[in-house]
């Protein structure tokens, strides 16, 4: 078996210059997509300390807002019960 130079589709003489250019662009795009996938994989597996700190801060603020909302609703309901109790006794 004759071992010639490796066959490369990008060097095929039957391609027009436009086809050659398109194939080269696809090759660059594929390489960029591989780099992007690698970077995203790294970011997903190692979350930034800043992101974690921000999420913890957001969790504390959300919890505080929820507690204040519950207290406000409880206060409104209690006030309505008191008002209805006073109104029912006057009739």
N, C-alpha and C. Protein backbone atom coordinates (compact mmCIF):
# COMPACT_ATOMS: atom_id res chain seq x y z
N UNK A 1 0.83 -1.17 0.00
CA UNK A 1 0.00 0.00 0.00
C UNK A 1 0.88 1.25 0.00
N UNK A 2 0.64 2.13 -0.91
CA UNK A 2 1.44 3.35 -1.02
C UNK A 2 0.93 4.38 -0.03
N UNK A 3 1.80 4.86 0.83
CA UNK A 3 1.44 5.86 1.82
C UNK A 3 1.85 7.23 1.30
N UNK A 4 0.93 7.96 0.74
CA UNK A 4 1.21 9.29 0.24
C UNK A 4 0.95 10.30 1.33
N UNK A 5 0.97 11.56 1.00
CA UNK A 5 0.66 12.59 1.99
C UNK A 5 -0.78 12.43 2.46
N UNK A 6 -1.07 12.82 3.70
CA UNK A 6 -2.44 12.68 4.21
C UNK A 6 -3.43 13.45 3.35
N UNK A 7 -4.60 12.86 3.15
CA UNK A 7 -5.64 13.47 2.33
C UNK A 7 -6.31 14.57 3.14
N UNK A 8 -6.33 15.74 2.61
CA UNK A 8 -6.96 16.87 3.29
C UNK A 8 -8.01 17.45 2.36
N UNK A 9 -9.24 17.49 2.81
CA UNK A 9 -10.33 17.99 1.97
C UNK A 9 -10.12 19.46 1.60
N UNK A 10 -9.41 20.19 2.48
CA UNK A 10 -9.21 21.61 2.21
C UNK A 10 -8.24 21.86 1.06
N UNK A 11 -7.45 20.86 0.71
CA UNK A 11 -6.50 21.06 -0.38
C UNK A 11 -6.93 20.35 -1.66
N UNK A 12 -8.19 19.91 -1.73
CA UNK A 12 -8.71 19.23 -2.91
C UNK A 12 -8.76 20.23 -4.06
N UNK A 13 -8.14 19.88 -5.21
CA UNK A 13 -8.10 20.84 -6.32
C UNK A 13 -9.45 21.03 -7.00
N UNK A 14 -10.43 20.16 -6.75
CA UNK A 14 -11.73 20.29 -7.41
C UNK A 14 -12.60 21.39 -6.79
N UNK A 15 -12.19 21.93 -5.68
CA UNK A 15 -12.99 22.96 -5.02
C UNK A 15 -12.76 24.32 -5.66
N UNK A 16 -13.83 25.08 -5.76
CA UNK A 16 -13.70 26.45 -6.24
C UNK A 16 -13.14 27.30 -5.11
N UNK A 17 -12.60 28.46 -5.41
CA UNK A 17 -12.09 29.33 -4.34
C UNK A 17 -13.16 29.65 -3.29
N UNK A 18 -14.40 29.84 -3.73
CA UNK A 18 -15.47 30.14 -2.78
C UNK A 18 -15.74 28.94 -1.87
N UNK A 19 -15.76 27.74 -2.44
CA UNK A 19 -15.96 26.54 -1.63
C UNK A 19 -14.81 26.36 -0.64
N UNK A 20 -13.60 26.61 -1.10
CA UNK A 20 -12.43 26.52 -0.23
C UNK A 20 -12.55 27.50 0.93
N UNK A 21 -12.96 28.72 0.63
CA UNK A 21 -13.11 29.75 1.65
C UNK A 21 -14.20 29.36 2.66
N UNK A 22 -15.32 28.83 2.17
CA UNK A 22 -16.41 28.41 3.05
C UNK A 22 -15.94 27.28 3.97
N UNK A 23 -15.21 26.31 3.42
CA UNK A 23 -14.71 25.21 4.24
C UNK A 23 -13.74 25.70 5.31
N UNK A 24 -12.88 26.63 4.95
CA UNK A 24 -11.95 27.20 5.93
C UNK A 24 -12.70 27.94 7.03
N UNK A 25 -13.74 28.66 6.65
CA UNK A 25 -14.53 29.39 7.64
C UNK A 25 -15.24 28.41 8.58
N UNK A 26 -15.77 27.33 8.04
CA UNK A 26 -16.40 26.30 8.87
C UNK A 26 -15.38 25.67 9.82
N UNK A 27 -14.17 25.49 9.35
CA UNK A 27 -13.12 24.93 10.20
C UNK A 27 -12.83 25.87 11.37
N UNK A 28 -12.73 27.17 11.08
CA UNK A 28 -12.50 28.16 12.15
C UNK A 28 -13.69 28.19 13.12
N UNK A 29 -14.89 28.11 12.57
CA UNK A 29 -16.09 28.11 13.41
C UNK A 29 -16.11 26.88 14.32
N UNK A 30 -15.77 25.72 13.77
CA UNK A 30 -15.74 24.50 14.58
C UNK A 30 -14.71 24.61 15.70
N UNK A 31 -13.56 25.18 15.41
CA UNK A 31 -12.53 25.35 16.44
C UNK A 31 -13.01 26.33 17.52
N UNK A 32 -13.65 27.42 17.11
CA UNK A 32 -14.18 28.38 18.09
C UNK A 32 -15.27 27.75 18.95
N UNK A 33 -16.10 26.90 18.35
CA UNK A 33 -17.15 26.23 19.12
C UNK A 33 -16.55 25.27 20.14
N UNK A 34 -15.46 24.60 19.77
CA UNK A 34 -14.77 23.71 20.71
C UNK A 34 -14.21 24.51 21.88
N UNK A 35 -13.60 25.66 21.58
CA UNK A 35 -13.06 26.52 22.64
C UNK A 35 -14.18 27.02 23.55
N UNK A 36 -15.30 27.42 22.96
CA UNK A 36 -16.44 27.90 23.74
C UNK A 36 -16.98 26.80 24.63
N UNK A 37 -17.13 25.60 24.09
CA UNK A 37 -17.63 24.47 24.88
C UNK A 37 -16.69 24.17 26.04
N UNK A 38 -15.40 24.24 25.80
CA UNK A 38 -14.42 24.00 26.86
C UNK A 38 -14.52 25.07 27.95
N UNK A 39 -14.63 26.32 27.54
CA UNK A 39 -14.75 27.42 28.50
C UNK A 39 -16.04 27.31 29.32
N UNK A 40 -17.15 27.00 28.65
CA UNK A 40 -18.42 26.85 29.36
C UNK A 40 -18.38 25.67 30.32
N UNK A 41 -17.73 24.59 29.92
CA UNK A 41 -17.60 23.43 30.81
C UNK A 41 -16.81 23.81 32.05
N UNK A 42 -15.73 24.57 31.86
CA UNK A 42 -14.92 25.02 32.99
C UNK A 42 -15.73 25.93 33.92
N UNK A 43 -16.48 26.86 33.35
CA UNK A 43 -17.29 27.77 34.16
C UNK A 43 -18.39 27.03 34.91
N UNK A 44 -18.98 26.04 34.27
CA UNK A 44 -20.06 25.29 34.90
C UNK A 44 -19.55 24.42 36.04
N UNK A 45 -18.34 23.91 35.91
CA UNK A 45 -17.82 23.02 36.94
C UNK A 45 -17.16 23.77 38.09
N UNK A 46 -16.74 25.00 37.86
CA UNK A 46 -16.08 25.80 38.89
C UNK A 46 -16.72 27.17 38.99
N UNK A 47 -17.87 27.28 39.68
CA UNK A 47 -18.53 28.59 39.76
C UNK A 47 -17.63 29.62 40.45
N UNK A 48 -17.72 30.80 39.97
CA UNK A 48 -16.92 31.89 40.51
C UNK A 48 -17.34 32.22 41.94
N UNK A 49 -16.39 32.56 42.76
CA UNK A 49 -16.68 32.94 44.14
C UNK A 49 -17.56 34.18 44.18
N UNK A 50 -17.37 35.08 43.23
CA UNK A 50 -18.19 36.28 43.18
C UNK A 50 -19.66 35.94 42.91
N UNK A 51 -19.89 34.98 42.02
CA UNK A 51 -21.26 34.57 41.72
C UNK A 51 -21.89 33.94 42.95
N UNK A 52 -21.14 33.08 43.63
CA UNK A 52 -21.68 32.43 44.83
C UNK A 52 -21.99 33.46 45.92
N UNK A 53 -21.09 34.42 46.12
CA UNK A 53 -21.34 35.47 47.12
C UNK A 53 -22.57 36.29 46.75
N UNK A 54 -22.70 36.61 45.48
CA UNK A 54 -23.88 37.36 45.03
C UNK A 54 -25.16 36.58 45.24
N UNK A 55 -25.13 35.29 44.97
CA UNK A 55 -26.32 34.47 45.17
C UNK A 55 -26.68 34.35 46.65
N UNK A 56 -25.67 34.25 47.50
CA UNK A 56 -25.94 34.19 48.95
C UNK A 56 -26.58 35.50 49.43
N UNK A 57 -26.04 36.62 48.95
CA UNK A 57 -26.60 37.92 49.31
C UNK A 57 -28.04 38.04 48.82
N UNK A 58 -28.29 37.61 47.60
CA UNK A 58 -29.64 37.63 47.05
C UNK A 58 -30.58 36.75 47.86
N UNK A 59 -30.09 35.59 48.29
CA UNK A 59 -30.91 34.69 49.10
C UNK A 59 -31.30 35.34 50.43
N UNK A 60 -30.34 36.02 51.07
CA UNK A 60 -30.64 36.71 52.33
C UNK A 60 -31.67 37.82 52.12
N UNK A 61 -31.50 38.60 51.08
CA UNK A 61 -32.44 39.70 50.82
C UNK A 61 -33.83 39.16 50.49
N UNK A 62 -33.89 38.09 49.71
CA UNK A 62 -35.18 37.49 49.36
C UNK A 62 -35.87 36.95 50.60
N UNK A 63 -35.11 36.31 51.46
CA UNK A 63 -35.66 35.77 52.70
C UNK A 63 -36.21 36.90 53.58
N UNK A 64 -35.47 37.98 53.67
CA UNK A 64 -35.92 39.12 54.47
C UNK A 64 -37.20 39.72 53.88
N UNK A 65 -37.23 39.89 52.57
CA UNK A 65 -38.43 40.44 51.93
C UNK A 65 -39.64 39.53 52.15
N UNK A 66 -39.44 38.21 52.09
CA UNK A 66 -40.53 37.27 52.31
C UNK A 66 -41.04 37.36 53.75
N UNK A 67 -40.12 37.47 54.70
CA UNK A 67 -40.51 37.59 56.11
C UNK A 67 -41.30 38.88 56.34
N UNK A 68 -40.86 39.98 55.77
CA UNK A 68 -41.58 41.25 55.91
C UNK A 68 -42.95 41.18 55.26
N UNK A 69 -43.06 40.50 54.12
CA UNK A 69 -44.34 40.34 53.45
C UNK A 69 -45.30 39.53 54.31
N UNK A 70 -44.81 38.43 54.88
CA UNK A 70 -45.67 37.61 55.75
C UNK A 70 -46.14 38.42 56.95
N UNK A 71 -45.24 39.21 57.55
CA UNK A 71 -45.61 40.02 58.70
C UNK A 71 -46.66 41.06 58.31
N UNK A 72 -46.52 41.66 57.15
CA UNK A 72 -47.48 42.65 56.69
C UNK A 72 -48.85 42.03 56.45
N UNK A 73 -48.87 40.87 55.80
CA UNK A 73 -50.14 40.19 55.54
C UNK A 73 -50.79 39.79 56.86
N UNK A 74 -50.01 39.27 57.79
CA UNK A 74 -50.55 38.88 59.09
C UNK A 74 -51.13 40.10 59.81
N UNK A 75 -50.43 41.22 59.75
CA UNK A 75 -50.91 42.44 60.39
C UNK A 75 -52.22 42.91 59.78
N UNK A 76 -52.34 42.85 58.46
CA UNK A 76 -53.58 43.26 57.78
C UNK A 76 -54.73 42.35 58.17
N UNK A 77 -54.49 41.04 58.14
CA UNK A 77 -55.54 40.08 58.50
C UNK A 77 -55.97 40.27 59.95
N UNK A 78 -55.02 40.46 60.84
CA UNK A 78 -55.34 40.66 62.25
C UNK A 78 -56.14 41.95 62.45
N UNK A 79 -55.76 43.01 61.76
CA UNK A 79 -56.48 44.28 61.87
C UNK A 79 -57.90 44.13 61.35
N UNK A 80 -58.10 43.39 60.25
CA UNK A 80 -59.44 43.16 59.72
C UNK A 80 -60.30 42.38 60.71
N UNK A 81 -59.71 41.38 61.35
CA UNK A 81 -60.47 40.59 62.33
C UNK A 81 -60.88 41.46 63.52
N UNK A 82 -59.97 42.34 63.93
CA UNK A 82 -60.30 43.24 65.04
C UNK A 82 -61.41 44.19 64.63
N UNK A 83 -61.31 44.77 63.42
CA UNK A 83 -62.34 45.69 62.92
C UNK A 83 -63.68 44.99 62.79
N UNK A 84 -63.71 43.78 62.27
CA UNK A 84 -64.96 43.04 62.10
C UNK A 84 -65.55 42.67 63.47
N UNK A 85 -64.68 42.38 64.42
CA UNK A 85 -65.17 42.06 65.77
C UNK A 85 -65.81 43.27 66.43
N UNK A 86 -65.19 44.45 66.25
CA UNK A 86 -65.75 45.68 66.82
C UNK A 86 -67.05 46.05 66.12
N UNK A 87 -67.10 45.88 64.82
CA UNK A 87 -68.30 46.23 64.05
C UNK A 87 -69.45 45.31 64.39
N UNK A 88 -69.19 44.03 64.61
CA UNK A 88 -70.26 43.08 64.92
C UNK A 88 -70.84 43.30 66.30
N UNK A 89 -70.04 43.78 67.23
CA UNK A 89 -70.53 44.01 68.59
C UNK A 89 -71.38 45.25 68.71
N UNK A 90 -71.23 46.23 67.80
CA UNK A 90 -71.98 47.48 67.87
C UNK A 90 -73.38 47.33 67.33
N UNK A 91 -73.64 46.33 66.50
CA UNK A 91 -74.97 46.21 65.89
C UNK A 91 -75.95 45.62 66.83
